[in-house]
Amino acid sequence: MAGTPRAGVGIAGAGIGLALGAGLGVFLLSPNIPGAMNTGASSDTVASSEYESLEAEGKFAQRKAEAADEVVAAAGQDIINGVLDEQPVLVLATADASDEDVEKLRASLQRAGAIDSGLIKLSEKFFTQNGADQLKTIVANTLPAGTELSADNRDPGTHAGQALGAALTFAEGTDTPNSTTEDRGLLLETLADAEYLEYESGTILPGQAIVMVTGSGSTASGADFVAKNQAAFAEALDEAGGATVIAGRVGHDEASNVITQLRGSDSTAGAVSTVEAVDQTWGRLAAVLAVAEQLEGGSGAYGFSENADEVLPEH
């Protein structure tokens, strides 16, 4: 098995390089295309020609990115094959997460051998200021037996993470769930009835690892509160179960998102793993490997942003 992953890494590395280069090309070209239409009337012909040229370059770069992603997909199976063999993994999805990203990542986890512990979709109000007080009340009243809420960090993200962490994980290093089936059911059902989350009844099992899929963040009013709340939630999940990965899309520099929050925090930078570009094959590959790394006690920040450690975890 050792020989095969090395070959796969070489192929995937080349594909990832192409994908990143082409993807950045698309990013750099796209902002300039609308600007070509803002020239004066005397330059209409030139502007039209420049627009068509840039549009053609953008389409070519996009095709390069798609081709590179296909190369990564072809090599990816060899790299992740068996890395999560028989490990239960639960997926959480925030309100801004793409359904396609979620399902493709779940498929990648299962191809890596993971046991599907289910999918829980967290509603928009789960992390907003408007939903905070009711969420804390529900958590306090349905807390799994033996679980204590932090008296120092009373924010809703921390308390919700501690409660769900207890309900949805195993005791670290064991096959013993942190809560009973009854306690887990009570907490999830109550939160679902209050429209904080949704899930398919009878499908949720505790996980040795939890992956939370997010979007790219937001610049809207209240976005900072949401991002910080999500970061506190992720940290609390990690403390309960010891293996937490956040996988999102690349955000704009101005956007507030949980990945930026976690990477900028001294308390979580070495605990919760973060992966960007979950909408790309290499991003999902990185997420799967990050889960495997978490289960072995490691963590990291993966992607191509300046605040990332590497593109992929070592494997």
Protein backbone atom coordinates (compact mmCIF):
# COMPACT_ATOMS: atom_id res chain seq x y z
CA MET A 1 0.00 0.00 0.00
CA ALA A 2 2.92 2.34 0.72
CA GLY A 3 4.08 2.36 -2.91
CA THR A 4 0.68 3.28 -4.33
CA PRO A 5 0.10 6.44 -2.28
CA ARG A 6 3.51 7.82 -3.24
CA ALA A 7 2.69 7.49 -6.92
CA GLY A 8 -0.71 9.04 -6.32
CA VAL A 9 0.85 11.95 -4.47
CA GLY A 10 3.08 12.77 -7.43
CA ILE A 11 0.19 12.82 -9.86
CA ALA A 12 -2.12 14.70 -7.52
CA GLY A 13 0.59 17.25 -6.72
CA ALA A 14 0.91 18.14 -10.36
CA GLY A 15 -2.85 18.31 -10.76
CA ILE A 16 -3.24 20.48 -7.71
CA GLY A 17 -0.60 22.87 -9.02
CA LEU A 18 -2.47 23.20 -12.29
CA ALA A 19 -5.78 23.65 -10.53
CA LEU A 20 -4.45 26.38 -8.26
CA GLY A 21 -2.74 28.20 -11.13
CA ALA A 22 -5.78 28.04 -13.35
CA GLY A 23 -8.12 28.92 -10.53
CA LEU A 24 -6.11 31.99 -9.62
CA GLY A 25 -6.07 32.93 -13.30
CA VAL A 26 -9.85 32.90 -13.35
CA PHE A 27 -9.94 34.96 -10.15
CA LEU A 28 -7.57 37.59 -11.53
CA LEU A 29 -9.28 37.84 -14.89
CA SER A 30 -12.87 38.00 -13.75
CA PRO A 31 -12.72 41.32 -11.88
CA ASN A 32 -11.26 43.00 -14.95
CA ILE A 33 -13.94 41.88 -17.39
CA PRO A 34 -16.71 44.26 -16.25
CA GLY A 35 -14.24 47.14 -16.18
CA ALA A 36 -13.66 46.81 -19.91
CA MET A 37 -17.21 48.05 -20.46
CA ASN A 38 -16.67 51.25 -18.50
CA THR A 39 -14.61 53.10 -21.12
CA GLY A 40 -15.89 56.14 -23.00
CA ALA A 41 -18.09 55.94 -26.10
CA SER A 42 -15.12 56.66 -28.35
CA SER A 43 -13.45 53.48 -27.14
CA ASP A 44 -16.44 51.16 -27.59
CA THR A 45 -14.75 49.04 -30.24
CA VAL A 46 -11.53 48.66 -28.25
CA ALA A 47 -13.45 47.91 -25.07
CA SER A 48 -15.53 45.27 -26.81
CA SER A 49 -12.40 43.62 -28.19
CA GLU A 50 -10.72 43.65 -24.77
CA TYR A 51 -13.84 42.22 -23.17
CA GLU A 52 -14.02 39.37 -25.67
CA SER A 53 -10.32 38.65 -25.21
CA LEU A 54 -10.59 38.57 -21.43
CA GLU A 55 -13.74 36.47 -21.59
CA ALA A 56 -11.98 33.95 -23.84
CA GLU A 57 -8.98 33.82 -21.47
CA GLY A 58 -11.31 33.31 -18.54
CA LYS A 59 -13.08 30.42 -20.24
CA PHE A 60 -9.74 28.84 -21.17
CA ALA A 61 -8.48 29.16 -17.59
CA GLN A 62 -11.71 27.60 -16.34
CA ARG A 63 -11.25 24.64 -18.67
CA LYS A 64 -7.68 24.24 -17.37
CA ALA A 65 -8.95 24.24 -13.80
CA GLU A 66 -11.63 21.66 -14.60
CA ALA A 67 -9.10 19.44 -16.37
CA ALA A 68 -6.69 19.67 -13.46
CA ASP A 69 -9.49 18.82 -11.05
CA GLU A 70 -10.19 15.68 -13.08
CA VAL A 71 -6.53 14.67 -12.70
CA VAL A 72 -6.75 15.16 -8.95
CA ALA A 73 -9.98 13.16 -8.82
CA ALA A 74 -8.38 10.28 -10.71
CA ALA A 75 -5.40 10.14 -8.35
CA GLY A 76 -7.32 10.99 -5.21
CA GLN A 77 -8.84 7.56 -4.67
CA ASP A 78 -5.40 5.98 -4.32
CA ILE A 79 -4.36 8.61 -1.81
CA ILE A 80 -7.38 8.36 0.50
CA ASN A 81 -8.13 4.66 0.05
CA GLY A 82 -8.61 3.11 3.49
CA VAL A 83 -7.35 6.08 5.52
CA LEU A 84 -10.65 6.21 7.46
CA ASP A 85 -11.41 2.50 7.43
CA GLU A 86 -14.33 1.75 9.81
CA GLN A 87 -14.10 5.18 11.48
CA PRO A 88 -17.52 6.76 12.21
CA VAL A 89 -17.62 10.34 10.86
CA LEU A 90 -20.51 12.75 11.39
CA VAL A 91 -21.10 15.73 9.08
CA LEU A 92 -22.60 19.06 10.14
CA ALA A 93 -23.59 21.66 7.54
CA THR A 94 -24.09 25.37 8.23
CA ALA A 95 -26.91 27.29 6.55
CA ASP A 96 -24.57 28.78 3.91
CA ALA A 97 -22.97 25.46 2.97
CA SER A 98 -23.63 24.20 -0.55
CA ASP A 99 -25.65 20.98 -0.68
CA GLU A 100 -23.39 19.81 -3.51
CA ASP A 101 -20.26 20.42 -1.42
CA VAL A 102 -21.77 18.49 1.46
CA GLU A 103 -22.79 15.46 -0.59
CA LYS A 104 -19.50 15.29 -2.50
CA LEU A 105 -17.53 15.46 0.74
CA ARG A 106 -19.68 12.75 2.32
CA ALA A 107 -19.03 10.58 -0.74
CA SER A 108 -15.26 11.19 -0.39
CA LEU A 109 -15.37 10.23 3.29
CA GLN A 110 -17.16 7.01 2.45
CA ARG A 111 -14.68 6.22 -0.33
CA ALA A 112 -11.97 6.56 2.29
CA GLY A 113 -13.71 3.82 4.29
CA ALA A 114 -15.49 5.98 6.87
CA ILE A 115 -18.74 4.86 8.46
CA ASP A 116 -21.47 7.44 7.77
CA SER A 117 -22.74 8.67 11.14
CA GLY A 118 -25.26 10.96 9.49
CA LEU A 119 -25.82 14.57 8.44
CA ILE A 120 -27.17 17.42 10.57
CA LYS A 121 -28.06 20.71 8.90
CA LEU A 122 -27.73 23.71 11.20
CA SER A 123 -30.20 26.51 10.48
CA GLU A 124 -29.24 30.14 10.00
CA LYS A 125 -30.48 31.15 13.44
CA PHE A 126 -28.27 28.56 15.14
CA PHE A 127 -25.34 31.00 15.02
CA THR A 128 -27.06 34.40 14.89
CA GLN A 129 -27.56 36.89 17.68
CA ASN A 130 -31.35 36.60 17.35
CA GLY A 131 -31.30 32.90 18.10
CA ALA A 132 -28.68 32.98 20.84
CA ASP A 133 -30.81 33.29 23.99
CA GLN A 134 -33.28 30.54 23.09
CA LEU A 135 -30.45 28.25 21.99
CA LYS A 136 -28.70 28.64 25.35
CA THR A 137 -31.96 27.91 27.18
CA ILE A 138 -32.61 24.74 25.18
CA VAL A 139 -29.04 23.54 25.67
CA ALA A 140 -29.17 24.12 29.41
CA ASN A 141 -32.46 22.20 29.72
CA THR A 142 -31.54 19.22 27.52
CA LEU A 143 -27.85 18.82 28.36
CA PRO A 144 -26.67 15.18 28.22
CA ALA A 145 -26.11 13.70 31.67
CA GLY A 146 -22.65 14.32 33.08
CA THR A 147 -21.93 17.26 30.78
CA GLU A 148 -20.93 20.59 32.29
CA LEU A 149 -21.24 23.95 30.55
CA SER A 150 -18.37 26.39 30.81
CA ALA A 151 -18.80 29.07 33.46
CA ASP A 152 -15.99 31.14 31.96
CA ASN A 153 -17.17 31.10 28.34
CA ARG A 154 -20.92 31.64 28.36
CA ASP A 155 -21.35 32.42 24.66
CA PRO A 156 -23.97 30.36 22.78
CA GLY A 157 -21.41 28.81 20.44
CA THR A 158 -19.37 27.36 23.30
CA HIS A 159 -22.40 26.03 25.20
CA ALA A 160 -24.01 24.56 22.06
CA GLY A 161 -20.71 22.97 21.07
CA GLN A 162 -20.27 21.42 24.50
CA ALA A 163 -23.79 19.99 24.44
CA LEU A 164 -23.66 18.64 20.89
CA GLY A 165 -20.08 17.51 21.39
CA ALA A 166 -21.21 15.37 24.31
CA ALA A 167 -24.23 14.07 22.39
CA LEU A 168 -22.48 13.32 19.09
CA THR A 169 -19.03 11.97 19.92
CA PHE A 170 -17.22 9.11 21.60
CA ALA A 171 -15.04 9.54 24.64
CA GLU A 172 -11.62 10.31 23.22
CA GLY A 173 -9.63 7.19 22.41
CA THR A 174 -12.53 4.81 23.16
CA ASP A 175 -15.58 3.24 21.54
CA THR A 176 -17.83 4.51 24.32
CA PRO A 177 -20.30 7.29 23.36
CA ASN A 178 -20.18 10.41 25.50
CA SER A 179 -23.95 10.28 25.99
CA THR A 180 -26.83 7.83 25.92
CA THR A 181 -29.09 7.36 22.91
CA GLU A 182 -31.95 8.87 24.90
CA ASP A 183 -30.00 12.00 25.85
CA ARG A 184 -28.80 12.46 22.28
CA GLY A 185 -32.32 12.07 20.95
CA LEU A 186 -33.80 14.55 23.42
CA LEU A 187 -31.28 17.27 22.57
CA LEU A 188 -31.56 16.83 18.80
CA GLU A 189 -35.35 16.57 18.80
CA THR A 190 -35.75 19.68 20.94
CA LEU A 191 -33.40 21.69 18.72
CA ALA A 192 -35.17 20.42 15.62
CA ASP A 193 -38.60 21.36 17.01
CA ALA A 194 -37.27 24.88 17.67
CA GLU A 195 -35.93 25.00 14.07
CA TYR A 196 -32.27 25.22 15.02
CA LEU A 197 -31.36 22.17 13.00
CA GLU A 198 -32.77 19.37 10.89
CA TYR A 199 -31.84 15.75 10.28
CA GLU A 200 -33.41 12.53 9.10
CA SER A 201 -34.83 10.65 12.05
CA GLY A 202 -33.00 7.44 12.90
CA THR A 203 -29.85 8.31 10.93
CA ILE A 204 -27.68 10.04 13.54
CA LEU A 205 -24.96 8.10 15.33
CA PRO A 206 -22.00 9.40 17.36
CA GLY A 207 -18.79 9.98 15.42
CA GLN A 208 -15.11 9.54 16.21
CA ALA A 209 -14.69 12.68 14.12
CA ILE A 210 -16.94 15.57 13.11
CA VAL A 211 -16.64 17.56 9.89
CA MET A 212 -18.46 20.88 9.70
CA VAL A 213 -19.02 22.15 6.15
CA THR A 214 -19.47 25.88 5.67
CA GLY A 215 -19.67 28.45 2.90
CA SER A 216 -17.29 31.34 2.20
CA GLY A 217 -18.47 33.73 4.90
CA SER A 218 -20.29 37.03 4.57
CA THR A 219 -19.86 40.80 4.68
CA ALA A 220 -23.43 41.37 5.88
CA SER A 221 -24.33 42.92 9.21
CA GLY A 222 -23.90 40.37 11.99
CA ALA A 223 -21.40 38.27 10.04
CA ASP A 224 -18.65 38.79 12.64
CA PHE A 225 -20.90 37.46 15.40
CA VAL A 226 -21.76 34.39 13.31
CA ALA A 227 -18.12 33.66 12.45
CA LYS A 228 -16.96 34.00 16.06
CA ASN A 229 -19.88 31.89 17.26
CA GLN A 230 -19.04 29.16 14.76
CA ALA A 231 -15.40 29.23 15.86
CA ALA A 232 -16.37 28.87 19.53
CA PHE A 233 -18.74 26.05 18.59
CA ALA A 234 -15.98 24.22 16.68
CA GLU A 235 -13.53 24.57 19.57
CA ALA A 236 -16.07 23.15 22.02
CA LEU A 237 -16.80 20.23 19.68
CA ASP A 238 -13.10 19.49 19.47
CA GLU A 239 -12.68 19.54 23.23
CA ALA A 240 -15.52 17.04 23.59
CA GLY A 241 -14.48 14.59 20.90
CA GLY A 242 -10.93 15.49 20.00
CA ALA A 243 -11.29 15.29 16.20
CA THR A 244 -12.91 18.25 14.44
CA VAL A 245 -12.41 19.53 10.88
CA ILE A 246 -13.96 22.68 9.38
CA ALA A 247 -14.19 22.60 5.58
CA GLY A 248 -15.38 25.68 3.70
CA ARG A 249 -15.03 27.66 0.51
CA VAL A 250 -12.42 30.32 -0.05
CA GLY A 251 -13.75 33.63 1.23
CA HIS A 252 -13.16 37.20 0.09
CA ASP A 253 -10.66 39.22 2.11
CA GLU A 254 -13.46 41.37 3.51
CA ALA A 255 -15.74 38.48 4.45
CA SER A 256 -16.05 37.19 7.99
CA ASN A 257 -15.82 33.40 8.14
CA VAL A 258 -15.10 30.69 10.65
CA ILE A 259 -11.88 29.50 8.99
CA THR A 260 -10.27 32.93 9.31
CA GLN A 261 -11.46 33.14 12.91
CA LEU A 262 -9.98 29.77 13.83
CA ARG A 263 -6.67 30.39 12.10
CA GLY A 264 -6.30 33.71 13.86
CA SER A 265 -6.99 32.31 17.33
CA ASP A 266 -4.13 31.12 19.52
CA SER A 267 -6.48 28.80 21.40
CA THR A 268 -7.80 26.91 18.37
CA ALA A 269 -5.02 27.17 15.78
CA GLY A 270 -3.43 23.98 17.06
CA ALA A 271 -6.62 22.04 17.76
CA VAL A 272 -9.31 22.33 15.09
CA SER A 273 -8.23 21.58 11.51
CA THR A 274 -9.36 23.94 8.76
CA VAL A 275 -9.61 23.24 5.03
CA GLU A 276 -10.53 25.71 2.29
CA ALA A 277 -11.87 25.07 -1.23
CA VAL A 278 -14.22 22.24 -0.26
CA ASP A 279 -15.91 22.85 -3.62
CA GLN A 280 -12.76 21.55 -5.35
CA THR A 281 -11.61 17.93 -5.55
CA TRP A 282 -8.27 18.70 -3.91
CA GLY A 283 -10.06 20.54 -1.09
CA ARG A 284 -12.22 17.50 -0.35
CA LEU A 285 -9.10 15.33 -0.55
CA ALA A 286 -7.43 17.59 2.01
CA ALA A 287 -10.50 17.39 4.25
CA VAL A 288 -10.47 13.58 4.27
CA LEU A 289 -6.75 13.51 5.08
CA ALA A 290 -7.30 16.14 7.77
CA VAL A 291 -9.85 13.88 9.44
CA ALA A 292 -7.35 11.01 9.39
CA GLU A 293 -4.70 13.31 10.84
CA GLN A 294 -7.09 14.46 13.60
CA LEU A 295 -7.81 10.87 14.56
CA GLU A 296 -4.07 10.37 15.01
CA GLY A 297 -3.80 13.44 17.23
CA GLY A 298 -2.63 15.98 14.66
CA SER A 299 -4.14 19.12 13.17
CA GLY A 300 -3.42 21.83 10.64
CA ALA A 301 -4.63 24.59 8.31
CA TYR A 302 -4.83 23.49 4.67
CA GLY A 303 -5.30 25.35 1.41
CA PHE A 304 -3.45 28.01 -0.59
CA SER A 305 -4.20 31.13 1.46
CA GLU A 306 -1.37 32.89 3.28
CA ASN A 307 -2.68 31.65 6.62
CA ALA A 308 -2.61 27.98 5.54
CA ASP A 309 0.17 25.62 6.63
CA GLU A 310 0.19 23.41 3.55
CA VAL A 311 -2.07 22.45 0.62
CA LEU A 312 -2.55 18.89 1.96
CA PRO A 313 -1.82 17.16 5.26
CA GLU A 314 1.16 14.82 5.27
CA HIS A 315 0.13 11.22 4.71
